[in-house]
Amino acid sequence: MSLHIIGELINNAYARARRAWEARDVTGYQTLASLQAAAGAAAINLNLDGTQRVPVRQEEMIAFLPTVIPALQAVTDVPLSFDNPSLGYHRAAIAAYDRSRCRGKPILNSLAASRPELDGMIALIRDHDLRCIVMASEKFLPGGGSGQSLDARDSHETIVRFVDRLVSEANRTLDDIIVDPGLAPVGADTYGLINIGLDTMRRCAEDPQLRGLHFSVGLSNFAWGTPKGIKDQLERAYLTLAERAGLDYALANVEHNATPLPDHDPLVAELAAALEAGRAGPGETTEDAGFRQAEKVMDICNAYLERQEAAS
């Protein structure tokens, strides 16, 4: 299986993107797009949303799209992934996008059960022949509304419902659909969300109606809060485990964490054991198991850093 990277560097969580946003520096954005394309990114994510450091209004983002999108397309023909929960953002992005300068379909990121404009998003996907990312971490509630998926069965049902709608209403094939099964920080995962995501991919792989579906995660979520010296390696170890479960895309940093570790790397087995320890046993809560998983992860981090120090 080949892992396809959706480059995540155009995001105000990164300093270079933040500087480019604050100056409305299209050359800075072009540099980020070019380096990700050169590194082999299958798509380039465009996320202009604000962070704690940089507040951004929706109107500012939409106003900048007609400037930044042609600038990005001037330096690469890699498809763009438009990352925002707002239908207005996606409409403006598609209006500014020149399909003749793209070697693949652009991506609408993302559909979710909680989106108030979900019908409009599905119609936009149909009318403009888009690929899309579907969030499986939210489920549809029987009486309407949405809630968090707390097991792989919930996530599978959400995926089936989205696939049915996208195939019947938006004329999509399964190849057009990328599912995000959800990912949480491994050291603070008190709901077992990492295992739910892995189990969701395994469950979908066993469903003959879903063969050909793709899976992606936001990889930088995984090692948040772990020591800097091991962060990238933990993310790469997760990729190795997730590929086994069916992951074939990742929203990731092409400069640091976009390559899975070899299967035989000790960190892969250590991480697998820590995640297995994060499964609740009889009489346990998910929180109990989550704390045990966090302890195992910190043991891994400490042992890894000690090995690195001894080798230096």
C-alpha atoms as a PDB file:
ATOM      1  CA  MET A   1       0.000   0.000   0.000  1.00  0.00           C
ATOM      2  CA  SER A   2       1.279   3.470  -0.873  1.00  0.00           C
ATOM      3  CA  LEU A   3       0.756   6.289   1.617  1.00  0.00           C
ATOM      4  CA  HIS A   4      -0.402   9.542   0.021  1.00  0.00           C
ATOM      5  CA  ILE A   5       0.390  12.748   1.872  1.00  0.00           C
ATOM      6  CA  ILE A   6      -1.885  15.768   1.979  1.00  0.00           C
ATOM      7  CA  GLY A   7       0.571  18.525   2.864  1.00  0.00           C
ATOM      8  CA  GLU A   8      -0.529  20.489   5.931  1.00  0.00           C
ATOM      9  CA  LEU A   9       1.996  23.350   6.033  1.00  0.00           C
ATOM     10  CA  ILE A  10      -0.442  26.023   4.837  1.00  0.00           C
ATOM     11  CA  ASN A  11      -1.993  26.338   8.267  1.00  0.00           C
ATOM     12  CA  ASN A  12      -1.607  29.193  10.731  1.00  0.00           C
ATOM     13  CA  ALA A  13      -0.397  26.739  13.364  1.00  0.00           C
ATOM     14  CA  TYR A  14       2.920  26.848  11.466  1.00  0.00           C
ATOM     15  CA  ALA A  15       5.112  29.939  11.724  1.00  0.00           C
ATOM     16  CA  ARG A  16       5.819  30.291   8.000  1.00  0.00           C
ATOM     17  CA  ALA A  17       2.136  30.136   7.117  1.00  0.00           C
ATOM     18  CA  ARG A  18       1.308  32.503   9.962  1.00  0.00           C
ATOM     19  CA  ARG A  19       3.802  35.064   8.670  1.00  0.00           C
ATOM     20  CA  ALA A  20       2.446  34.686   5.154  1.00  0.00           C
ATOM     21  CA  TRP A  21      -1.109  35.240   6.384  1.00  0.00           C
ATOM     22  CA  GLU A  22      -0.287  38.282   8.463  1.00  0.00           C
ATOM     23  CA  ALA A  23       1.497  39.924   5.490  1.00  0.00           C
ATOM     24  CA  ARG A  24      -0.903  38.449   2.889  1.00  0.00           C
ATOM     25  CA  ASP A  25       2.337  37.301   1.281  1.00  0.00           C
ATOM     26  CA  VAL A  26       1.422  35.161  -1.737  1.00  0.00           C
ATOM     27  CA  THR A  27       5.107  34.467  -2.410  1.00  0.00           C
ATOM     28  CA  GLY A  28       5.366  32.882   1.038  1.00  0.00           C
ATOM     29  CA  TYR A  29       2.373  30.685   0.276  1.00  0.00           C
ATOM     30  CA  GLN A  30       3.849  29.745  -3.090  1.00  0.00           C
ATOM     31  CA  THR A  31       7.074  28.664  -1.378  1.00  0.00           C
ATOM     32  CA  LEU A  32       5.129  26.400   0.979  1.00  0.00           C
ATOM     33  CA  ALA A  33       3.133  24.907  -1.894  1.00  0.00           C
ATOM     34  CA  SER A  34       6.232  24.327  -4.026  1.00  0.00           C
ATOM     35  CA  LEU A  35       8.238  22.583  -1.306  1.00  0.00           C
ATOM     36  CA  GLN A  36       5.322  20.270  -0.499  1.00  0.00           C
ATOM     37  CA  ALA A  37       4.797  19.434  -4.157  1.00  0.00           C
ATOM     38  CA  ALA A  38       8.526  18.753  -4.563  1.00  0.00           C
ATOM     39  CA  ALA A  39       8.391  16.418  -1.567  1.00  0.00           C
ATOM     40  CA  GLY A  40       5.726  14.342  -3.300  1.00  0.00           C
ATOM     41  CA  ALA A  41       2.506  15.568  -1.684  1.00  0.00           C
ATOM     42  CA  ALA A  42      -0.564  14.131  -3.416  1.00  0.00           C
ATOM     43  CA  ALA A  43      -2.576  17.212  -2.424  1.00  0.00           C
ATOM     44  CA  ILE A  44      -1.926  20.485  -0.624  1.00  0.00           C
ATOM     45  CA  ASN A  45      -4.249  21.502   2.179  1.00  0.00           C
ATOM     46  CA  LEU A  46      -5.352  25.138   2.290  1.00  0.00           C
ATOM     47  CA  ASN A  47      -6.384  26.050   5.826  1.00  0.00           C
ATOM     48  CA  LEU A  48      -6.558  29.791   6.550  1.00  0.00           C
ATOM     49  CA  ASP A  49      -8.415  29.449   9.830  1.00  0.00           C
ATOM     50  CA  GLY A  50      -7.318  31.233  12.964  1.00  0.00           C
ATOM     51  CA  THR A  51      -5.406  29.912  15.962  1.00  0.00           C
ATOM     52  CA  GLN A  52      -4.878  31.135  19.515  1.00  0.00           C
ATOM     53  CA  ARG A  53      -2.035  33.293  18.206  1.00  0.00           C
ATOM     54  CA  VAL A  54      -3.803  34.586  15.104  1.00  0.00           C
ATOM     55  CA  PRO A  55      -7.527  35.373  15.134  1.00  0.00           C
ATOM     56  CA  VAL A  56      -9.004  35.196  11.640  1.00  0.00           C
ATOM     57  CA  ARG A  57     -12.512  36.177  10.603  1.00  0.00           C
ATOM     58  CA  GLN A  58     -14.409  34.116   8.042  1.00  0.00           C
ATOM     59  CA  GLU A  59     -14.836  37.168   5.812  1.00  0.00           C
ATOM     60  CA  GLU A  60     -11.057  37.672   5.737  1.00  0.00           C
ATOM     61  CA  MET A  61     -10.459  34.116   4.603  1.00  0.00           C
ATOM     62  CA  ILE A  62     -13.076  34.240   1.872  1.00  0.00           C
ATOM     63  CA  ALA A  63     -11.811  37.619   0.651  1.00  0.00           C
ATOM     64  CA  PHE A  64      -8.259  36.237   0.311  1.00  0.00           C
ATOM     65  CA  LEU A  65      -9.156  33.045  -1.586  1.00  0.00           C
ATOM     66  CA  PRO A  66      -9.376  34.692  -5.056  1.00  0.00           C
ATOM     67  CA  THR A  67      -5.814  35.943  -4.534  1.00  0.00           C
ATOM     68  CA  VAL A  68      -4.091  32.992  -2.913  1.00  0.00           C
ATOM     69  CA  ILE A  69      -5.597  30.132  -4.941  1.00  0.00           C
ATOM     70  CA  PRO A  70      -4.453  31.365  -8.388  1.00  0.00           C
ATOM     71  CA  ALA A  71      -1.039  32.110  -6.843  1.00  0.00           C
ATOM     72  CA  LEU A  72      -0.736  28.522  -5.609  1.00  0.00           C
ATOM     73  CA  GLN A  73      -1.884  27.151  -8.940  1.00  0.00           C
ATOM     74  CA  ALA A  74       0.755  29.263 -10.691  1.00  0.00           C
ATOM     75  CA  VAL A  75       3.522  27.204  -9.027  1.00  0.00           C
ATOM     76  CA  THR A  76       2.036  23.696  -8.837  1.00  0.00           C
ATOM     77  CA  ASP A  77      -0.584  21.524 -10.481  1.00  0.00           C
ATOM     78  CA  VAL A  78      -0.990  19.377  -7.354  1.00  0.00           C
ATOM     79  CA  PRO A  79      -4.679  19.386  -6.316  1.00  0.00           C
ATOM     80  CA  LEU A  80      -5.685  21.615  -3.424  1.00  0.00           C
ATOM     81  CA  SER A  81      -7.694  20.458  -0.429  1.00  0.00           C
ATOM     82  CA  PHE A  82      -9.994  23.194   0.865  1.00  0.00           C
ATOM     83  CA  ASP A  83     -10.175  22.824   4.640  1.00  0.00           C
ATOM     84  CA  ASN A  84     -13.032  24.641   6.344  1.00  0.00           C
ATOM     85  CA  PRO A  85     -16.452  23.788   7.857  1.00  0.00           C
ATOM     86  CA  SER A  86     -18.203  26.611   5.975  1.00  0.00           C
ATOM     87  CA  LEU A  87     -20.073  26.129   2.708  1.00  0.00           C
ATOM     88  CA  GLY A  88     -19.386  29.772   1.810  1.00  0.00           C
ATOM     89  CA  TYR A  89     -15.644  29.160   2.052  1.00  0.00           C
ATOM     90  CA  HIS A  90     -15.867  26.159  -0.269  1.00  0.00           C
ATOM     91  CA  ARG A  91     -18.012  28.009  -2.793  1.00  0.00           C
ATOM     92  CA  ALA A  92     -15.502  30.859  -2.911  1.00  0.00           C
ATOM     93  CA  ALA A  93     -12.582  28.434  -3.170  1.00  0.00           C
ATOM     94  CA  ILE A  94     -14.114  26.528  -6.087  1.00  0.00           C
ATOM     95  CA  ALA A  95     -14.994  29.785  -7.851  1.00  0.00           C
ATOM     96  CA  ALA A  96     -11.332  30.842  -7.668  1.00  0.00           C
ATOM     97  CA  TYR A  97      -9.974  27.435  -8.690  1.00  0.00           C
ATOM     98  CA  ASP A  98      -8.934  26.701 -12.284  1.00  0.00           C
ATOM     99  CA  ARG A  99      -9.484  23.000 -12.992  1.00  0.00           C
ATOM    100  CA  SER A 100      -7.420  23.200 -16.183  1.00  0.00           C
ATOM    101  CA  ARG A 101      -4.312  23.864 -14.062  1.00  0.00           C
ATOM    102  CA  CYS A 102      -4.861  20.831 -11.802  1.00  0.00           C
ATOM    103  CA  ARG A 103      -3.832  17.216 -12.468  1.00  0.00           C
ATOM    104  CA  GLY A 104      -6.509  15.790 -10.214  1.00  0.00           C
ATOM    105  CA  LYS A 105      -9.766  16.602  -8.493  1.00  0.00           C
ATOM    106  CA  PRO A 106      -9.654  19.152  -5.660  1.00  0.00           C
ATOM    107  CA  ILE A 107     -10.832  18.002  -2.232  1.00  0.00           C
ATOM    108  CA  LEU A 108     -13.593  19.390  -0.033  1.00  0.00           C
ATOM    109  CA  ASN A 109     -12.430  18.964   3.558  1.00  0.00           C
ATOM    110  CA  SER A 110     -14.676  18.122   5.316  1.00  0.00           C
ATOM    111  CA  LEU A 111     -18.138  16.646   5.649  1.00  0.00           C
ATOM    112  CA  ALA A 112     -19.423  15.835   9.135  1.00  0.00           C
ATOM    113  CA  ALA A 113     -22.703  14.983  10.823  1.00  0.00           C
ATOM    114  CA  SER A 114     -22.656  18.331  12.638  1.00  0.00           C
ATOM    115  CA  ARG A 115     -22.344  20.509   9.523  1.00  0.00           C
ATOM    116  CA  PRO A 116     -25.477  22.706   9.285  1.00  0.00           C
ATOM    117  CA  GLU A 117     -24.915  23.140   5.531  1.00  0.00           C
ATOM    118  CA  LEU A 118     -24.306  19.480   4.763  1.00  0.00           C
ATOM    119  CA  ASP A 119     -26.857  19.292   1.943  1.00  0.00           C
ATOM    120  CA  GLY A 120     -25.235  22.259   0.215  1.00  0.00           C
ATOM    121  CA  MET A 121     -21.786  20.714   0.560  1.00  0.00           C
ATOM    122  CA  ILE A 122     -22.941  17.467  -1.034  1.00  0.00           C
ATOM    123  CA  ALA A 123     -24.536  19.436  -3.873  1.00  0.00           C
ATOM    124  CA  LEU A 124     -21.275  21.367  -4.377  1.00  0.00           C
ATOM    125  CA  ILE A 125     -19.338  18.106  -4.565  1.00  0.00           C
ATOM    126  CA  ARG A 126     -21.748  16.854  -7.247  1.00  0.00           C
ATOM    127  CA  ASP A 127     -21.820  20.050  -9.287  1.00  0.00           C
ATOM    128  CA  HIS A 128     -18.029  20.495  -9.352  1.00  0.00           C
ATOM    129  CA  ASP A 129     -16.850  16.875  -9.442  1.00  0.00           C
ATOM    130  CA  LEU A 130     -14.905  17.045  -6.168  1.00  0.00           C
ATOM    131  CA  ARG A 131     -13.296  14.496  -3.931  1.00  0.00           C
ATOM    132  CA  CYS A 132     -14.175  14.859  -0.255  1.00  0.00           C
ATOM    133  CA  ILE A 133     -13.053  14.034   3.258  1.00  0.00           C
ATOM    134  CA  VAL A 134     -15.691  12.627   5.612  1.00  0.00           C
ATOM    135  CA  MET A 135     -15.345  12.823   9.406  1.00  0.00           C
ATOM    136  CA  ALA A 136     -16.317   9.510  11.025  1.00  0.00           C
ATOM    137  CA  SER A 137     -15.737  10.759  14.570  1.00  0.00           C
ATOM    138  CA  GLU A 138     -19.249  12.243  14.653  1.00  0.00           C
ATOM    139  CA  LYS A 139     -22.452  10.221  14.350  1.00  0.00           C
ATOM    140  CA  PHE A 140     -26.010  11.073  13.368  1.00  0.00           C
ATOM    141  CA  LEU A 141     -28.423  10.840  16.296  1.00  0.00           C
ATOM    142  CA  PRO A 142     -31.767   9.038  15.736  1.00  0.00           C
ATOM    143  CA  GLY A 143     -33.853  12.092  16.601  1.00  0.00           C
ATOM    144  CA  GLY A 144     -31.717  14.477  14.575  1.00  0.00           C
ATOM    145  CA  GLY A 145     -28.534  16.293  15.407  1.00  0.00           C
ATOM    146  CA  SER A 146     -25.136  14.761  15.961  1.00  0.00           C
ATOM    147  CA  GLY A 147     -22.900  13.356  18.675  1.00  0.00           C
ATOM    148  CA  GLN A 148     -19.479  11.831  19.138  1.00  0.00           C
ATOM    149  CA  SER A 149     -18.824   8.331  17.826  1.00  0.00           C
ATOM    150  CA  LEU A 150     -17.696   6.286  20.810  1.00  0.00           C
ATOM    151  CA  ASP A 151     -17.061   2.949  19.126  1.00  0.00           C
ATOM    152  CA  ALA A 152     -16.188   1.541  15.704  1.00  0.00           C
ATOM    153  CA  ARG A 153     -19.799   0.508  15.096  1.00  0.00           C
ATOM    154  CA  ASP A 154     -20.942   4.135  15.362  1.00  0.00           C
ATOM    155  CA  SER A 155     -18.198   5.251  12.983  1.00  0.00           C
ATOM    156  CA  HIS A 156     -18.968   2.486  10.489  1.00  0.00           C
ATOM    157  CA  GLU A 157     -22.656   3.440  10.451  1.00  0.00           C
ATOM    158  CA  THR A 158     -21.712   7.084   9.842  1.00  0.00           C
ATOM    159  CA  ILE A 159     -19.443   6.091   6.961  1.00  0.00           C
ATOM    160  CA  VAL A 160     -22.109   3.899   5.359  1.00  0.00           C
ATOM    161  CA  ARG A 161     -24.626   6.737   5.591  1.00  0.00           C
ATOM    162  CA  PHE A 162     -22.243   9.226   3.977  1.00  0.00           C
ATOM    163  CA  VAL A 163     -21.211   6.784   1.261  1.00  0.00           C
ATOM    164  CA  ASP A 164     -24.861   6.111   0.408  1.00  0.00           C
ATOM    165  CA  ARG A 165     -25.571   9.835   0.091  1.00  0.00           C
ATOM    166  CA  LEU A 166     -22.418  10.675  -1.835  1.00  0.00           C
ATOM    167  CA  VAL A 167     -22.923   7.839  -4.324  1.00  0.00           C
ATOM    168  CA  SER A 168     -26.649   8.417  -4.841  1.00  0.00           C
ATOM    169  CA  GLU A 169     -26.846  12.221  -4.554  1.00  0.00           C
ATOM    170  CA  ALA A 170     -23.404  13.412  -5.682  1.00  0.00           C
ATOM    171  CA  ASN A 171     -22.524  10.699  -8.224  1.00  0.00           C
ATOM    172  CA  ARG A 172     -19.304   9.898  -6.369  1.00  0.00           C
ATOM    173  CA  THR A 173     -17.332   6.672  -6.593  1.00  0.00           C
ATOM    174  CA  LEU A 174     -15.661   5.209  -3.508  1.00  0.00           C
ATOM    175  CA  ASP A 175     -12.350   6.424  -4.908  1.00  0.00           C
ATOM    176  CA  ASP A 176     -13.650   9.999  -4.487  1.00  0.00           C
ATOM    177  CA  ILE A 177     -14.294   9.501  -0.763  1.00  0.00           C
ATOM    178  CA  ILE A 178     -11.624   9.792   1.927  1.00  0.00           C
ATOM    179  CA  VAL A 179     -12.699   8.994   5.487  1.00  0.00           C
ATOM    180  CA  ASP A 180     -11.066  10.512   8.554  1.00  0.00           C
ATOM    181  CA  PRO A 181     -11.724   7.953  11.335  1.00  0.00           C
ATOM    182  CA  GLY A 182     -10.414  10.348  13.994  1.00  0.00           C
ATOM    183  CA  LEU A 183      -7.176  10.705  15.914  1.00  0.00           C
ATOM    184  CA  ALA A 184      -6.420  11.977  19.417  1.00  0.00           C
ATOM    185  CA  PRO A 185      -3.245  12.857  21.319  1.00  0.00           C
ATOM    186  CA  VAL A 186      -1.823   9.493  22.388  1.00  0.00           C
ATOM    187  CA  GLY A 187      -0.832  10.760  25.831  1.00  0.00           C
ATOM    188  CA  ALA A 188      -4.280  12.176  26.647  1.00  0.00           C
ATOM    189  CA  ASP A 189      -6.662   9.744  24.970  1.00  0.00           C
ATOM    190  CA  THR A 190      -9.056   8.970  27.812  1.00  0.00           C
ATOM    191  CA  TYR A 191     -11.887   7.914  25.471  1.00  0.00           C
ATOM    192  CA  GLY A 192      -9.942   5.316  23.484  1.00  0.00           C
ATOM    193  CA  LEU A 193     -10.317   7.367  20.316  1.00  0.00           C
ATOM    194  CA  ILE A 194      -7.100   6.127  18.708  1.00  0.00           C
ATOM    195  CA  ASN A 195      -8.195   2.510  18.985  1.00  0.00           C
ATOM    196  CA  ILE A 196     -11.669   3.440  17.764  1.00  0.00           C
ATOM    197  CA  GLY A 197     -10.097   4.951  14.644  1.00  0.00           C
ATOM    198  CA  LEU A 198      -7.945   1.885  13.987  1.00  0.00           C
ATOM    199  CA  ASP A 199     -10.886  -0.457  14.635  1.00  0.00           C
ATOM    200  CA  THR A 200     -13.062   1.607  12.298  1.00  0.00           C
ATOM    201  CA  MET A 201     -10.622   1.127   9.432  1.00  0.00           C
ATOM    202  CA  ARG A 202     -10.426  -2.604  10.135  1.00  0.00           C
ATOM    203  CA  ARG A 203     -14.214  -2.876  10.263  1.00  0.00           C
ATOM    204  CA  CYS A 204     -14.594  -1.039   6.960  1.00  0.00           C
ATOM    205  CA  ALA A 205     -11.949  -3.259   5.351  1.00  0.00           C
ATOM    206  CA  GLU A 206     -14.179  -6.240   6.168  1.00  0.00           C
ATOM    207  CA  ASP A 207     -17.233  -4.607   4.545  1.00  0.00           C
ATOM    208  CA  PRO A 208     -17.360  -5.578   0.840  1.00  0.00           C
ATOM    209  CA  GLN A 209     -19.615  -2.581   0.132  1.00  0.00           C
ATOM    210  CA  LEU A 210     -16.810  -0.203   1.166  1.00  0.00           C
ATOM    211  CA  ARG A 211     -13.927  -1.641  -0.848  1.00  0.00           C
ATOM    212  CA  GLY A 212     -12.112   1.169  -2.621  1.00  0.00           C
ATOM    213  CA  LEU A 213     -12.766   3.718   0.130  1.00  0.00           C
ATOM    214  CA  HIS A 214      -9.764   5.743   1.341  1.00  0.00           C
ATOM    215  CA  PHE A 215      -8.714   6.723   4.876  1.00  0.00           C
ATOM    216  CA  SER A 216      -6.796   9.704   6.207  1.00  0.00           C
ATOM    217  CA  VAL A 217      -5.913  11.222   9.599  1.00  0.00           C
ATOM    218  CA  GLY A 218      -4.597  14.557  10.808  1.00  0.00           C
ATOM    219  CA  LEU A 219      -1.258  13.141  11.900  1.00  0.00           C
ATOM    220  CA  SER A 220       0.002  16.129  13.914  1.00  0.00           C
ATOM    221  CA  ASN A 221      -2.766  15.480  16.473  1.00  0.00           C
ATOM    222  CA  PHE A 222      -1.210  12.180  17.488  1.00  0.00           C
ATOM    223  CA  ALA A 223       1.974  13.115  19.350  1.00  0.00           C
ATOM    224  CA  TRP A 224       0.787  16.465  20.713  1.00  0.00           C
ATOM    225  CA  GLY A 225       2.248  17.007  24.192  1.00  0.00           C
ATOM    226  CA  THR A 226       5.019  14.410  23.885  1.00  0.00           C
ATOM    227  CA  PRO A 227       8.719  15.381  24.103  1.00  0.00           C
ATOM    228  CA  LYS A 228      10.080  17.066  20.999  1.00  0.00           C
ATOM    229  CA  GLY A 229      12.871  14.517  20.612  1.00  0.00           C
ATOM    230  CA  ILE A 230      10.454  11.654  19.967  1.00  0.00           C
ATOM    231  CA  LYS A 231       7.388  13.391  18.541  1.00  0.00           C
ATOM    232  CA  ASP A 232       8.124  12.742  14.860  1.00  0.00           C
ATOM    233  CA  GLN A 233       9.116   9.137  15.536  1.00  0.00           C
ATOM    234  CA  LEU A 234       5.878   8.444  17.408  1.00  0.00           C
ATOM    235  CA  GLU A 235       3.869   9.862  14.526  1.00  0.00           C
ATOM    236  CA  ARG A 236       5.800   7.704  12.061  1.00  0.00           C
ATOM    237  CA  ALA A 237       5.254   4.625  14.258  1.00  0.00           C
ATOM    238  CA  TYR A 238       1.524   5.359  14.274  1.00  0.00           C
ATOM    239  CA  LEU A 239       1.565   5.540  10.468  1.00  0.00           C
ATOM    240  CA  THR A 240       3.070   2.054  10.341  1.00  0.00           C
ATOM    241  CA  LEU A 241       0.306   0.661  12.558  1.00  0.00           C
ATOM    242  CA  ALA A 242      -2.432   2.588  10.758  1.00  0.00           C
ATOM    243  CA  GLU A 243      -1.268   1.427   7.335  1.00  0.00           C
ATOM    244  CA  ARG A 244      -1.799  -2.140   8.517  1.00  0.00           C
ATOM    245  CA  ALA A 245      -5.390  -1.202   9.348  1.00  0.00           C
ATOM    246  CA  GLY A 246      -6.028   0.424   5.956  1.00  0.00           C
ATOM    247  CA  LEU A 247      -4.741   4.005   6.164  1.00  0.00           C
ATOM    248  CA  ASP A 248      -3.594   5.230   2.745  1.00  0.00           C
ATOM    249  CA  TYR A 249      -3.672   9.036   3.176  1.00  0.00           C
ATOM    250  CA  ALA A 250      -2.411  11.356   5.917  1.00  0.00           C
ATOM    251  CA  LEU A 251      -2.639  15.091   6.480  1.00  0.00           C
ATOM    252  CA  ALA A 252       0.987  15.532   7.506  1.00  0.00           C
ATOM    253  CA  ASN A 253       4.140  17.628   7.511  1.00  0.00           C
ATOM    254  CA  VAL A 254       6.218  16.498   4.528  1.00  0.00           C
ATOM    255  CA  GLU A 255       9.369  17.789   6.204  1.00  0.00           C
ATOM    256  CA  HIS A 256       9.124  15.689   9.363  1.00  0.00           C
ATOM    257  CA  ASN A 257       6.601  12.923   9.816  1.00  0.00           C
ATOM    258  CA  ALA A 258       5.339  11.721   6.447  1.00  0.00           C
ATOM    259  CA  THR A 259       7.204   8.396   6.228  1.00  0.00           C
ATOM    260  CA  PRO A 260       6.118   5.318   8.217  1.00  0.00           C
ATOM    261  CA  LEU A 261       8.759   3.561  10.305  1.00  0.00           C
ATOM    262  CA  PRO A 262       9.911   0.121   9.140  1.00  0.00           C
ATOM    263  CA  ASP A 263       7.782  -2.714  10.527  1.00  0.00           C
ATOM    264  CA  HIS A 264      10.716  -4.066  12.500  1.00  0.00           C
ATOM    265  CA  ASP A 265      11.485  -0.795  14.301  1.00  0.00           C
ATOM    266  CA  PRO A 266      11.151  -1.429  18.074  1.00  0.00           C
ATOM    267  CA  LEU A 267       9.090   1.731  18.500  1.00  0.00           C
ATOM    268  CA  VAL A 268       6.307   0.245  16.361  1.00  0.00           C
ATOM    269  CA  ALA A 269       5.878  -2.769  18.638  1.00  0.00           C
ATOM    270  CA  GLU A 270       6.165  -0.599  21.750  1.00  0.00           C
ATOM    271  CA  LEU A 271       3.452   1.759  20.511  1.00  0.00           C
ATOM    272  CA  ALA A 272       1.208  -1.158  19.533  1.00  0.00           C
ATOM    273  CA  ALA A 273       1.537  -2.538  23.067  1.00  0.00           C
ATOM    274  CA  ALA A 274       0.736   0.851  24.609  1.00  0.00           C
ATOM    275  CA  LEU A 275      -2.406   1.175  22.490  1.00  0.00           C
ATOM    276  CA  GLU A 276      -3.474  -2.341  23.393  1.00  0.00           C
ATOM    277  CA  ALA A 277      -3.041  -1.365  27.046  1.00  0.00           C
ATOM    278  CA  GLY A 278      -5.452   1.486  26.342  1.00  0.00           C
ATOM    279  CA  ARG A 279      -8.360  -0.908  25.788  1.00  0.00           C
ATOM    280  CA  ALA A 280     -10.682  -1.126  28.779  1.00  0.00           C
ATOM    281  CA  GLY A 281     -10.954  -4.544  30.393  1.00  0.00           C
ATOM    282  CA  PRO A 282     -13.857  -5.984  32.423  1.00  0.00           C
ATOM    283  CA  GLY A 283     -14.949  -3.557  35.121  1.00  0.00           C
ATOM    284  CA  GLU A 284     -12.757  -0.758  33.779  1.00  0.00           C
ATOM    285  CA  THR A 285     -13.744   2.593  32.374  1.00  0.00           C
ATOM    286  CA  THR A 286     -12.242   3.994  29.191  1.00  0.00           C
ATOM    287  CA  GLU A 287     -10.693   6.661  31.398  1.00  0.00           C
ATOM    288  CA  ASP A 288      -8.887   4.017  33.482  1.00  0.00           C
ATOM    289  CA  ALA A 289      -7.525   2.435  30.326  1.00  0.00           C
ATOM    290  CA  GLY A 290      -6.622   5.831  28.891  1.00  0.00           C
ATOM    291  CA  PHE A 291      -4.465   6.679  31.902  1.00  0.00           C
ATOM    292  CA  ARG A 292      -2.729   3.317  31.579  1.00  0.00           C
ATOM    293  CA  GLN A 293      -2.083   4.030  27.897  1.00  0.00           C
ATOM    294  CA  ALA A 294      -0.663   7.460  28.783  1.00  0.00           C
ATOM    295  CA  GLU A 295       1.697   5.897  31.342  1.00  0.00           C
ATOM    296  CA  LYS A 296       2.929   3.374  28.763  1.00  0.00           C
ATOM    297  CA  VAL A 297       3.502   6.165  26.253  1.00  0.00           C
ATOM    298  CA  MET A 298       5.540   8.191  28.725  1.00  0.00           C
ATOM    299  CA  ASP A 299       7.608   5.082  29.502  1.00  0.00           C
ATOM    300  CA  ILE A 300       8.264   4.736  25.755  1.00  0.00           C
ATOM    301  CA  CYS A 301       9.269   8.389  25.505  1.00  0.00           C
ATOM    302  CA  ASN A 302      11.636   8.227  28.455  1.00  0.00           C
ATOM    303  CA  ALA A 303      13.285   5.007  27.285  1.00  0.00           C
ATOM    304  CA  TYR A 304      13.673   6.322  23.733  1.00  0.00           C
ATOM    305  CA  LEU A 305      15.253   9.591  24.859  1.00  0.00           C
ATOM    306  CA  GLU A 306      17.608   7.707  27.177  1.00  0.00           C
ATOM    307  CA  ARG A 307      18.710   5.501  24.265  1.00  0.00           C
ATOM    308  CA  GLN A 308      19.254   8.577  22.103  1.00  0.00           C
ATOM    309  CA  GLU A 309      21.322  10.249  24.810  1.00  0.00           C
ATOM    310  CA  ALA A 310      23.416   7.123  25.350  1.00  0.00           C
ATOM    311  CA  ALA A 311      24.095   6.849  21.627  1.00  0.00           C
ATOM    312  CA  SER A 312      25.190  10.483  21.269  1.00  0.00           C
END
